Amino acid sequence: MHLTTTEAERVCRKLQIELVHCRHHVRGFLVVDGRRVLPVHYSNGHKDLPADVPHKFRRSLYLGVDEFLNLLHCTLSRDEYVRLLKGRGVISW
């Protein structure tokens, strides 16, 4: 799977992840109902991410390959994503 920092940033904006820009990385959390649910991070810049990073980024979001591609191609909304996490027991409230 191929992923650029621009695509990672777009995913974070779509999921409304609260981000903090550090020197080398962007770190943040998915916040649902005022609670931090998932930590997320990726590299700064406008470049392709190294080979193993897209896989780790996808797994940190608890998504399969097809689900992640749906998120990238804008067919999975934030509400659908939160419902998916609740269905998997990642979010239990």
PDB file of N, CA and C in Angstrom:
ATOM      1  N   MET A   1       0.850  -1.170   0.000  1.00  0.00           N
ATOM      2  CA  MET A   1       0.000   0.000   0.000  1.00  0.00           C
ATOM      3  C   MET A   1       0.900   1.240   0.000  1.00  0.00           C
ATOM      4  N   HIS A   2       0.475   2.242  -0.704  1.00  0.00           N
ATOM      5  CA  HIS A   2       1.217   3.494  -0.855  1.00  0.00           C
ATOM      6  C   HIS A   2       0.454   4.596  -0.130  1.00  0.00           C
ATOM      7  N   LEU A   3       1.174   5.455   0.598  1.00  0.00           N
ATOM      8  CA  LEU A   3       0.533   6.553   1.326  1.00  0.00           C
ATOM      9  C   LEU A   3       1.511   7.718   1.413  1.00  0.00           C
ATOM     10  N   THR A   4       1.003   8.910   1.157  1.00  0.00           N
ATOM     11  CA  THR A   4       1.819  10.114   1.306  1.00  0.00           C
ATOM     12  C   THR A   4       1.394  10.841   2.577  1.00  0.00           C
ATOM     13  N   THR A   5       2.231  11.762   3.017  1.00  0.00           N
ATOM     14  CA  THR A   5       1.885  12.538   4.204  1.00  0.00           C
ATOM     15  C   THR A   5       0.650  13.400   3.948  1.00  0.00           C
ATOM     16  N   THR A   6       0.478  13.850   2.713  1.00  0.00           N
ATOM     17  CA  THR A   6      -0.703  14.640   2.362  1.00  0.00           C
ATOM     18  C   THR A   6      -1.971  13.805   2.503  1.00  0.00           C
ATOM     19  N   GLU A   7      -1.925  12.542   2.076  1.00  0.00           N
ATOM     20  CA  GLU A   7      -3.083  11.660   2.219  1.00  0.00           C
ATOM     21  C   GLU A   7      -3.361  11.353   3.690  1.00  0.00           C
ATOM     22  N   ALA A   8      -2.308  11.150   4.474  1.00  0.00           N
ATOM     23  CA  ALA A   8      -2.479  10.907   5.917  1.00  0.00           C
ATOM     24  C   ALA A   8      -3.125  12.117   6.585  1.00  0.00           C
ATOM     25  N   GLU A   9      -2.695  13.300   6.184  1.00  0.00           N
ATOM     26  CA  GLU A   9      -3.274  14.530   6.726  1.00  0.00           C
ATOM     27  C   GLU A   9      -4.746  14.658   6.350  1.00  0.00           C
ATOM     28  N   ARG A  10      -5.076  14.299   5.122  1.00  0.00           N
ATOM     29  CA  ARG A  10      -6.467  14.360   4.661  1.00  0.00           C
ATOM     30  C   ARG A  10      -7.341  13.397   5.462  1.00  0.00           C
ATOM     31  N   VAL A  11      -6.833  12.196   5.747  1.00  0.00           N
ATOM     32  CA  VAL A  11      -7.565  11.225   6.560  1.00  0.00           C
ATOM     33  C   VAL A  11      -7.812  11.789   7.961  1.00  0.00           C
ATOM     34  N   CYS A  12      -6.786  12.392   8.539  1.00  0.00           N
ATOM     35  CA  CYS A  12      -6.931  12.966   9.887  1.00  0.00           C
ATOM     36  C   CYS A  12      -7.941  14.110   9.910  1.00  0.00           C
ATOM     37  N   ARG A  13      -7.943  14.940   8.880  1.00  0.00           N
ATOM     38  CA  ARG A  13      -8.939  16.027   8.807  1.00  0.00           C
ATOM     39  C   ARG A  13     -10.336  15.448   8.670  1.00  0.00           C
ATOM     40  N   LYS A  14     -10.484  14.430   7.839  1.00  0.00           N
ATOM     41  CA  LYS A  14     -11.796  13.825   7.624  1.00  0.00           C
ATOM     42  C   LYS A  14     -12.333  13.208   8.915  1.00  0.00           C
ATOM     43  N   LEU A  15     -11.457  12.561   9.686  1.00  0.00           N
ATOM     44  CA  LEU A  15     -11.878  11.925  10.932  1.00  0.00           C
ATOM     45  C   LEU A  15     -11.892  12.897  12.102  1.00  0.00           C
ATOM     46  N   GLN A  16     -11.545  14.164  11.840  1.00  0.00           N
ATOM     47  CA  GLN A  16     -11.523  15.221  12.845  1.00  0.00           C
ATOM     48  C   GLN A  16     -10.619  14.856  14.019  1.00  0.00           C
ATOM     49  N   ILE A  17      -9.439  14.355  13.695  1.00  0.00           N
ATOM     50  CA  ILE A  17      -8.451  14.004  14.704  1.00  0.00           C
ATOM     51  C   ILE A  17      -7.792  15.283  15.197  1.00  0.00           C
ATOM     52  N   GLU A  18      -7.709  15.440  16.503  1.00  0.00           N
ATOM     53  CA  GLU A  18      -7.061  16.613  17.097  1.00  0.00           C
ATOM     54  C   GLU A  18      -5.556  16.419  16.989  1.00  0.00           C
ATOM     55  N   LEU A  19      -4.891  17.281  16.217  1.00  0.00           N
ATOM     56  CA  LEU A  19      -3.477  17.126  15.905  1.00  0.00           C
ATOM     57  C   LEU A  19      -2.605  18.140  16.618  1.00  0.00           C
ATOM     58  N   VAL A  20      -1.376  17.715  16.916  1.00  0.00           N
ATOM     59  CA  VAL A  20      -0.336  18.577  17.461  1.00  0.00           C
ATOM     60  C   VAL A  20       0.886  18.377  16.576  1.00  0.00           C
ATOM     61  N   HIS A  21       1.379  19.460  15.973  1.00  0.00           N
ATOM     62  CA  HIS A  21       2.544  19.370  15.103  1.00  0.00           C
ATOM     63  C   HIS A  21       3.810  19.475  15.933  1.00  0.00           C
ATOM     64  N   CYS A  22       4.653  18.471  15.835  1.00  0.00           N
ATOM     65  CA  CYS A  22       5.953  18.459  16.492  1.00  0.00           C
ATOM     66  C   CYS A  22       7.020  18.695  15.425  1.00  0.00           C
ATOM     67  N   ARG A  23       8.265  18.617  15.807  1.00  0.00           N
ATOM     68  CA  ARG A  23       9.335  18.896  14.850  1.00  0.00           C
ATOM     69  C   ARG A  23       9.379  17.893  13.697  1.00  0.00           C
ATOM     70  N   HIS A  24       9.304  16.598  14.000  1.00  0.00           N
ATOM     71  CA  HIS A  24       9.438  15.578  12.969  1.00  0.00           C
ATOM     72  C   HIS A  24       8.145  14.832  12.664  1.00  0.00           C
ATOM     73  N   HIS A  25       7.187  14.889  13.561  1.00  0.00           N
ATOM     74  CA  HIS A  25       5.957  14.131  13.388  1.00  0.00           C
ATOM     75  C   HIS A  25       4.735  14.981  13.706  1.00  0.00           C
ATOM     76  N   VAL A  26       3.620  14.492  13.253  1.00  0.00           N
ATOM     77  CA  VAL A  26       2.325  15.051  13.620  1.00  0.00           C
ATOM     78  C   VAL A  26       1.657  13.998  14.495  1.00  0.00           C
ATOM     79  N   ARG A  27       1.265  14.384  15.681  1.00  0.00           N
ATOM     80  CA  ARG A  27       0.639  13.462  16.620  1.00  0.00           C
ATOM     81  C   ARG A  27      -0.763  13.960  16.948  1.00  0.00           C
ATOM     82  N   GLY A  28      -1.630  13.023  17.253  1.00  0.00           N
ATOM     83  CA  GLY A  28      -2.977  13.429  17.604  1.00  0.00           C
ATOM     84  C   GLY A  28      -3.798  12.282  18.141  1.00  0.00           C
ATOM     85  N   PHE A  29      -5.043  12.594  18.448  1.00  0.00           N
ATOM     86  CA  PHE A  29      -5.977  11.609  18.978  1.00  0.00           C
ATOM     87  C   PHE A  29      -7.329  11.763  18.302  1.00  0.00           C
ATOM     88  N   LEU A  30      -7.962  10.627  18.053  1.00  0.00           N
ATOM     89  CA  LEU A  30      -9.357  10.638  17.658  1.00  0.00           C
ATOM     90  C   LEU A  30     -10.147  10.854  18.933  1.00  0.00           C
ATOM     91  N   VAL A  31     -10.970  11.876  18.961  1.00  0.00           N
ATOM     92  CA  VAL A  31     -11.765  12.203  20.137  1.00  0.00           C
ATOM     93  C   VAL A  31     -13.231  11.945  19.813  1.00  0.00           C
ATOM     94  N   VAL A  32     -13.862  11.134  20.658  1.00  0.00           N
ATOM     95  CA  VAL A  32     -15.281  10.812  20.491  1.00  0.00           C
ATOM     96  C   VAL A  32     -15.975  11.104  21.806  1.00  0.00           C
ATOM     97  N   ASP A  33     -17.003  11.930  21.767  1.00  0.00           N
ATOM     98  CA  ASP A  33     -17.763  12.317  22.956  1.00  0.00           C
ATOM     99  C   ASP A  33     -16.849  12.868  24.053  1.00  0.00           C
ATOM    100  N   GLY A  34     -15.850  13.654  23.645  1.00  0.00           N
ATOM    101  CA  GLY A  34     -14.945  14.288  24.592  1.00  0.00           C
ATOM    102  C   GLY A  34     -13.860  13.389  25.157  1.00  0.00           C
ATOM    103  N   ARG A  35     -13.782  12.151  24.689  1.00  0.00           N
ATOM    104  CA  ARG A  35     -12.778  11.205  25.180  1.00  0.00           C
ATOM    105  C   ARG A  35     -11.763  10.889  24.080  1.00  0.00           C
ATOM    106  N   ARG A  36     -10.501  10.828  24.460  1.00  0.00           N
ATOM    107  CA  ARG A  36      -9.459  10.413  23.518  1.00  0.00           C
ATOM    108  C   ARG A  36      -9.553   8.912  23.328  1.00  0.00           C
ATOM    109  N   VAL A  37      -9.723   8.499  22.081  1.00  0.00           N
ATOM    110  CA  VAL A  37      -9.937   7.088  21.795  1.00  0.00           C
ATOM    111  C   VAL A  37      -8.688   6.433  21.213  1.00  0.00           C
ATOM    112  N   LEU A  38      -8.165   6.999  20.134  1.00  0.00           N
ATOM    113  CA  LEU A  38      -7.039   6.389  19.432  1.00  0.00           C
ATOM    114  C   LEU A  38      -5.906   7.381  19.231  1.00  0.00           C
ATOM    115  N   PRO A  39      -4.668   6.980  19.526  1.00  0.00           N
ATOM    116  CA  PRO A  39      -3.538   7.832  19.165  1.00  0.00           C
ATOM    117  C   PRO A  39      -3.171   7.607  17.699  1.00  0.00           C
ATOM    118  N   VAL A  40      -2.785   8.678  17.025  1.00  0.00           N
ATOM    119  CA  VAL A  40      -2.408   8.605  15.605  1.00  0.00           C
ATOM    120  C   VAL A  40      -1.181   9.483  15.410  1.00  0.00           C
ATOM    121  N   HIS A  41      -0.248   9.043  14.561  1.00  0.00           N
ATOM    122  CA  HIS A  41       0.866   9.917  14.207  1.00  0.00           C
ATOM    123  C   HIS A  41       1.415   9.547  12.835  1.00  0.00           C
ATOM    124  N   TYR A  42       2.051  10.527  12.212  1.00  0.00           N
ATOM    125  CA  TYR A  42       2.706  10.344  10.915  1.00  0.00           C
ATOM    126  C   TYR A  42       3.776  11.415  10.775  1.00  0.00           C
ATOM    127  N   SER A  43       4.622  11.288   9.769  1.00  0.00           N
ATOM    128  CA  SER A  43       5.740  12.213   9.565  1.00  0.00           C
ATOM    129  C   SER A  43       5.278  13.537   8.987  1.00  0.00           C
ATOM    130  N   ASN A  44       6.030  14.590   9.292  1.00  0.00           N
ATOM    131  CA  ASN A  44       5.819  15.900   8.675  1.00  0.00           C
ATOM    132  C   ASN A  44       6.298  15.886   7.228  1.00  0.00           C
ATOM    133  N   GLY A  45       5.881  16.867   6.468  1.00  0.00           N
ATOM    134  CA  GLY A  45       6.407  17.051   5.120  1.00  0.00           C
ATOM    135  C   GLY A  45       5.422  16.647   4.049  1.00  0.00           C
ATOM    136  N   HIS A  46       5.887  16.706   2.830  1.00  0.00           N
ATOM    137  CA  HIS A  46       5.082  16.318   1.667  1.00  0.00           C
ATOM    138  C   HIS A  46       5.874  15.279   0.903  1.00  0.00           C
ATOM    139  N   LYS A  47       5.759  14.041   1.344  1.00  0.00           N
ATOM    140  CA  LYS A  47       6.554  12.973   0.765  1.00  0.00           C
ATOM    141  C   LYS A  47       5.807  11.658   0.895  1.00  0.00           C
ATOM    142  N   ASP A  48       6.344  10.635   0.229  1.00  0.00           N
ATOM    143  CA  ASP A  48       5.825   9.291   0.411  1.00  0.00           C
ATOM    144  C   ASP A  48       6.313   8.766   1.752  1.00  0.00           C
ATOM    145  N   LEU A  49       5.455   8.051   2.446  1.00  0.00           N
ATOM    146  CA  LEU A  49       5.857   7.456   3.715  1.00  0.00           C
ATOM    147  C   LEU A  49       6.604   6.156   3.436  1.00  0.00           C
ATOM    148  N   PRO A  50       7.595   5.795   4.267  1.00  0.00           N
ATOM    149  CA  PRO A  50       8.337   4.547   4.066  1.00  0.00           C
ATOM    150  C   PRO A  50       7.408   3.342   4.015  1.00  0.00           C
ATOM    151  N   ALA A  51       7.878   2.267   3.460  1.00  0.00           N
ATOM    152  CA  ALA A  51       7.072   1.091   3.123  1.00  0.00           C
ATOM    153  C   ALA A  51       6.215   0.539   4.256  1.00  0.00           C
ATOM    154  N   ASP A  52       6.724   0.477   5.484  1.00  0.00           N
ATOM    155  CA  ASP A  52       5.958  -0.125   6.570  1.00  0.00           C
ATOM    156  C   ASP A  52       5.020   0.854   7.274  1.00  0.00           C
ATOM    157  N   VAL A  53       5.192   2.137   7.065  1.00  0.00           N
ATOM    158  CA  VAL A  53       4.406   3.146   7.778  1.00  0.00           C
ATOM    159  C   VAL A  53       2.924   3.148   7.377  1.00  0.00           C
ATOM    160  N   PRO A  54       2.571   3.052   6.081  1.00  0.00           N
ATOM    161  CA  PRO A  54       1.138   3.017   5.749  1.00  0.00           C
ATOM    162  C   PRO A  54       0.397   1.872   6.449  1.00  0.00           C
ATOM    163  N   HIS A  55       1.060   0.726   6.546  1.00  0.00           N
ATOM    164  CA  HIS A  55       0.462  -0.426   7.225  1.00  0.00           C
ATOM    165  C   HIS A  55       0.242  -0.109   8.706  1.00  0.00           C
ATOM    166  N   LYS A  56       1.239   0.485   9.356  1.00  0.00           N
ATOM    167  CA  LYS A  56       1.116   0.844  10.775  1.00  0.00           C
ATOM    168  C   LYS A  56       0.071   1.934  10.983  1.00  0.00           C
ATOM    169  N   PHE A  57       0.023   2.910  10.083  1.00  0.00           N
ATOM    170  CA  PHE A  57      -0.973   3.979  10.167  1.00  0.00           C
ATOM    171  C   PHE A  57      -2.377   3.391  10.054  1.00  0.00           C
ATOM    172  N   ARG A  58      -2.582   2.513   9.089  1.00  0.00           N
ATOM    173  CA  ARG A  58      -3.876   1.856   8.880  1.00  0.00           C
ATOM    174  C   ARG A  58      -4.263   1.044  10.106  1.00  0.00           C
ATOM    175  N   ARG A  59      -3.334   0.271  10.637  1.00  0.00           N
ATOM    176  CA  ARG A  59      -3.630  -0.559  11.809  1.00  0.00           C
ATOM    177  C   ARG A  59      -3.908   0.280  13.044  1.00  0.00           C
ATOM    178  N   SER A  60      -3.270   1.443  13.166  1.00  0.00           N
ATOM    179  CA  SER A  60      -3.536   2.307  14.321  1.00  0.00           C
ATOM    180  C   SER A  60      -4.961   2.844  14.291  1.00  0.00           C
ATOM    181  N   LEU A  61      -5.561   2.851  13.101  1.00  0.00           N
ATOM    182  CA  LEU A  61      -6.961   3.277  12.954  1.00  0.00           C
ATOM    183  C   LEU A  61      -7.937   2.101  13.053  1.00  0.00           C
ATOM    184  N   TYR A  62      -7.415   0.882  13.285  1.00  0.00           N
ATOM    185  CA  TYR A  62      -8.221  -0.340  13.390  1.00  0.00           C
ATOM    186  C   TYR A  62      -9.022  -0.602  12.118  1.00  0.00           C
ATOM    187  N   LEU A  63      -8.386  -0.435  10.967  1.00  0.00           N
ATOM    188  CA  LEU A  63      -9.050  -0.651   9.686  1.00  0.00           C
ATOM    189  C   LEU A  63      -8.347  -1.734   8.886  1.00  0.00           C
ATOM    190  N   GLY A  64      -9.140  -2.518   8.154  1.00  0.00           N
ATOM    191  CA  GLY A  64      -8.592  -3.449   7.191  1.00  0.00           C
ATOM    192  C   GLY A  64      -8.163  -2.679   5.945  1.00  0.00           C
ATOM    193  N   VAL A  65      -7.508  -3.365   5.026  1.00  0.00           N
ATOM    194  CA  VAL A  65      -7.007  -2.712   3.818  1.00  0.00           C
ATOM    195  C   VAL A  65      -8.146  -2.100   3.013  1.00  0.00           C
ATOM    196  N   ASP A  66      -9.207  -2.867   2.772  1.00  0.00           N
ATOM    197  CA  ASP A  66     -10.334  -2.356   1.979  1.00  0.00           C
ATOM    198  C   ASP A  66     -11.020  -1.182   2.677  1.00  0.00           C
ATOM    199  N   GLU A  67     -11.184  -1.264   3.989  1.00  0.00           N
ATOM    200  CA  GLU A  67     -11.811  -0.176   4.740  1.00  0.00           C
ATOM    201  C   GLU A  67     -10.956   1.087   4.676  1.00  0.00           C
ATOM    202  N   PHE A  68      -9.640   0.910   4.775  1.00  0.00           N
ATOM    203  CA  PHE A  68      -8.749   2.064   4.705  1.00  0.00           C
ATOM    204  C   PHE A  68      -8.806   2.708   3.328  1.00  0.00           C
ATOM    205  N   LEU A  69      -8.848   1.891   2.286  1.00  0.00           N
ATOM    206  CA  LEU A  69      -8.961   2.436   0.935  1.00  0.00           C
ATOM    207  C   LEU A  69     -10.284   3.181   0.756  1.00  0.00           C
ATOM    208  N   ASN A  70     -11.363   2.660   1.349  1.00  0.00           N
ATOM    209  CA  ASN A  70     -12.642   3.370   1.315  1.00  0.00           C
ATOM    210  C   ASN A  70     -12.536   4.716   2.019  1.00  0.00           C
ATOM    211  N   LEU A  71     -11.804   4.760   3.121  1.00  0.00           N
ATOM    212  CA  LEU A  71     -11.595   6.021   3.840  1.00  0.00           C
ATOM    213  C   LEU A  71     -10.799   6.995   2.979  1.00  0.00           C
ATOM    214  N   LEU A  72      -9.751   6.503   2.333  1.00  0.00           N
ATOM    215  CA  LEU A  72      -8.938   7.355   1.456  1.00  0.00           C
ATOM    216  C   LEU A  72      -9.735   7.908   0.281  1.00  0.00           C
ATOM    217  N   HIS A  73     -10.641   7.081  -0.245  1.00  0.00           N
ATOM    218  CA  HIS A  73     -11.418   7.485  -1.417  1.00  0.00           C
ATOM    219  C   HIS A  73     -12.755   8.115  -1.047  1.00  0.00           C
ATOM    220  N   CYS A  74     -12.877   8.526   0.213  1.00  0.00           N
ATOM    221  CA  CYS A  74     -14.020   9.315   0.696  1.00  0.00           C
ATOM    222  C   CYS A  74     -15.361   8.599   0.646  1.00  0.00           C
ATOM    223  N   THR A  75     -15.376   7.271   0.742  1.00  0.00           N
ATOM    224  CA  THR A  75     -16.659   6.580   0.807  1.00  0.00           C
ATOM    225  C   THR A  75     -17.005   6.134   2.227  1.00  0.00           C
ATOM    226  N   LEU A  76     -16.084   6.337   3.171  1.00  0.00           N
ATOM    227  CA  LEU A  76     -16.327   6.027   4.576  1.00  0.00           C
ATOM    228  C   LEU A  76     -16.314   7.342   5.351  1.00  0.00           C
ATOM    229  N   SER A  77     -17.432   7.677   5.994  1.00  0.00           N
ATOM    230  CA  SER A  77     -17.523   8.948   6.728  1.00  0.00           C
ATOM    231  C   SER A  77     -17.050   8.767   8.167  1.00  0.00           C
ATOM    232  N   ARG A  78     -16.902   9.870   8.864  1.00  0.00           N
ATOM    233  CA  ARG A  78     -16.492   9.826  10.271  1.00  0.00           C
ATOM    234  C   ARG A  78     -17.520   9.089  11.110  1.00  0.00           C
ATOM    235  N   ASP A  79     -18.801   9.350  10.884  1.00  0.00           N
ATOM    236  CA  ASP A  79     -19.849   8.678  11.653  1.00  0.00           C
ATOM    237  C   ASP A  79     -19.831   7.170  11.407  1.00  0.00           C
ATOM    238  N   GLU A  80     -19.652   6.763  10.163  1.00  0.00           N
ATOM    239  CA  GLU A  80     -19.564   5.333   9.846  1.00  0.00           C
ATOM    240  C   GLU A  80     -18.335   4.716  10.505  1.00  0.00           C
ATOM    241  N   TYR A  81     -17.234   5.464  10.514  1.00  0.00           N
ATOM    242  CA  TYR A  81     -16.008   4.984  11.144  1.00  0.00           C
ATOM    243  C   TYR A  81     -16.203   4.787  12.645  1.00  0.00           C
ATOM    244  N   VAL A  82     -16.825   5.730  13.308  1.00  0.00           N
ATOM    245  CA  VAL A  82     -17.073   5.614  14.754  1.00  0.00           C
ATOM    246  C   VAL A  82     -17.996   4.428  15.025  1.00  0.00           C
ATOM    247  N   ARG A  83     -19.024   4.235  14.204  1.00  0.00           N
ATOM    248  CA  ARG A  83     -19.907   3.067  14.362  1.00  0.00           C
ATOM    249  C   ARG A  83     -19.123   1.762  14.192  1.00  0.00           C
ATOM    250  N   LEU A  84     -18.201   1.749  13.241  1.00  0.00           N
ATOM    251  CA  LEU A  84     -17.365   0.577  13.001  1.00  0.00           C
ATOM    252  C   LEU A  84     -16.513   0.269  14.233  1.00  0.00           C
ATOM    253  N   LEU A  85     -15.913   1.298  14.830  1.00  0.00           N
ATOM    254  CA  LEU A  85     -15.098   1.097  16.034  1.00  0.00           C
ATOM    255  C   LEU A  85     -15.948   0.604  17.205  1.00  0.00           C
ATOM    256  N   LYS A  86     -17.151   1.136  17.327  1.00  0.00           N
ATOM    257  CA  LYS A  86     -18.050   0.671  18.398  1.00  0.00           C
ATOM    258  C   LYS A  86     -18.440  -0.780  18.184  1.00  0.00           C
ATOM    259  N   GLY A  87     -18.696  -1.151  16.925  1.00  0.00           N
ATOM    260  CA  GLY A  87     -19.033  -2.533  16.610  1.00  0.00           C
ATOM    261  C   GLY A  87     -17.902  -3.498  16.900  1.00  0.00           C
ATOM    262  N   ARG A  88     -16.675  -3.039  16.811  1.00  0.00           N
ATOM    263  CA  ARG A  88     -15.504  -3.885  17.083  1.00  0.00           C
ATOM    264  C   ARG A  88     -15.093  -3.851  18.550  1.00  0.00           C
ATOM    265  N   GLY A  89     -15.760  -3.040  19.352  1.00  0.00           N
ATOM    266  CA  GLY A  89     -15.449  -2.971  20.769  1.00  0.00           C
ATOM    267  C   GLY A  89     -14.274  -2.069  21.110  1.00  0.00           C
ATOM    268  N   VAL A  90     -13.766  -1.318  20.142  1.00  0.00           N
ATOM    269  CA  VAL A  90     -12.674  -0.377  20.397  1.00  0.00           C
ATOM    270  C   VAL A  90     -13.202   0.785  21.233  1.00  0.00           C
ATOM    271  N   ILE A  91     -14.422   1.208  20.922  1.00  0.00           N
ATOM    272  CA  ILE A  91     -15.137   2.215  21.707  1.00  0.00           C
ATOM    273  C   ILE A  91     -16.269   1.487  22.392  1.00  0.00           C
ATOM    274  N   SER A  92     -16.328   1.562  23.711  1.00  0.00           N
ATOM    275  CA  SER A  92     -17.300   0.730  24.423  1.00  0.00           C
ATOM    276  C   SER A  92     -18.432   1.511  25.076  1.00  0.00           C
ATOM    277  N   TRP A  93     -18.588   2.778  24.745  1.00  0.00           N
ATOM    278  CA  TRP A  93     -19.690   3.526  25.363  1.00  0.00           C
ATOM    279  C   TRP A  93     -20.691   3.942  24.344  1.00  0.00           C
TER     280      TRP A  93
END
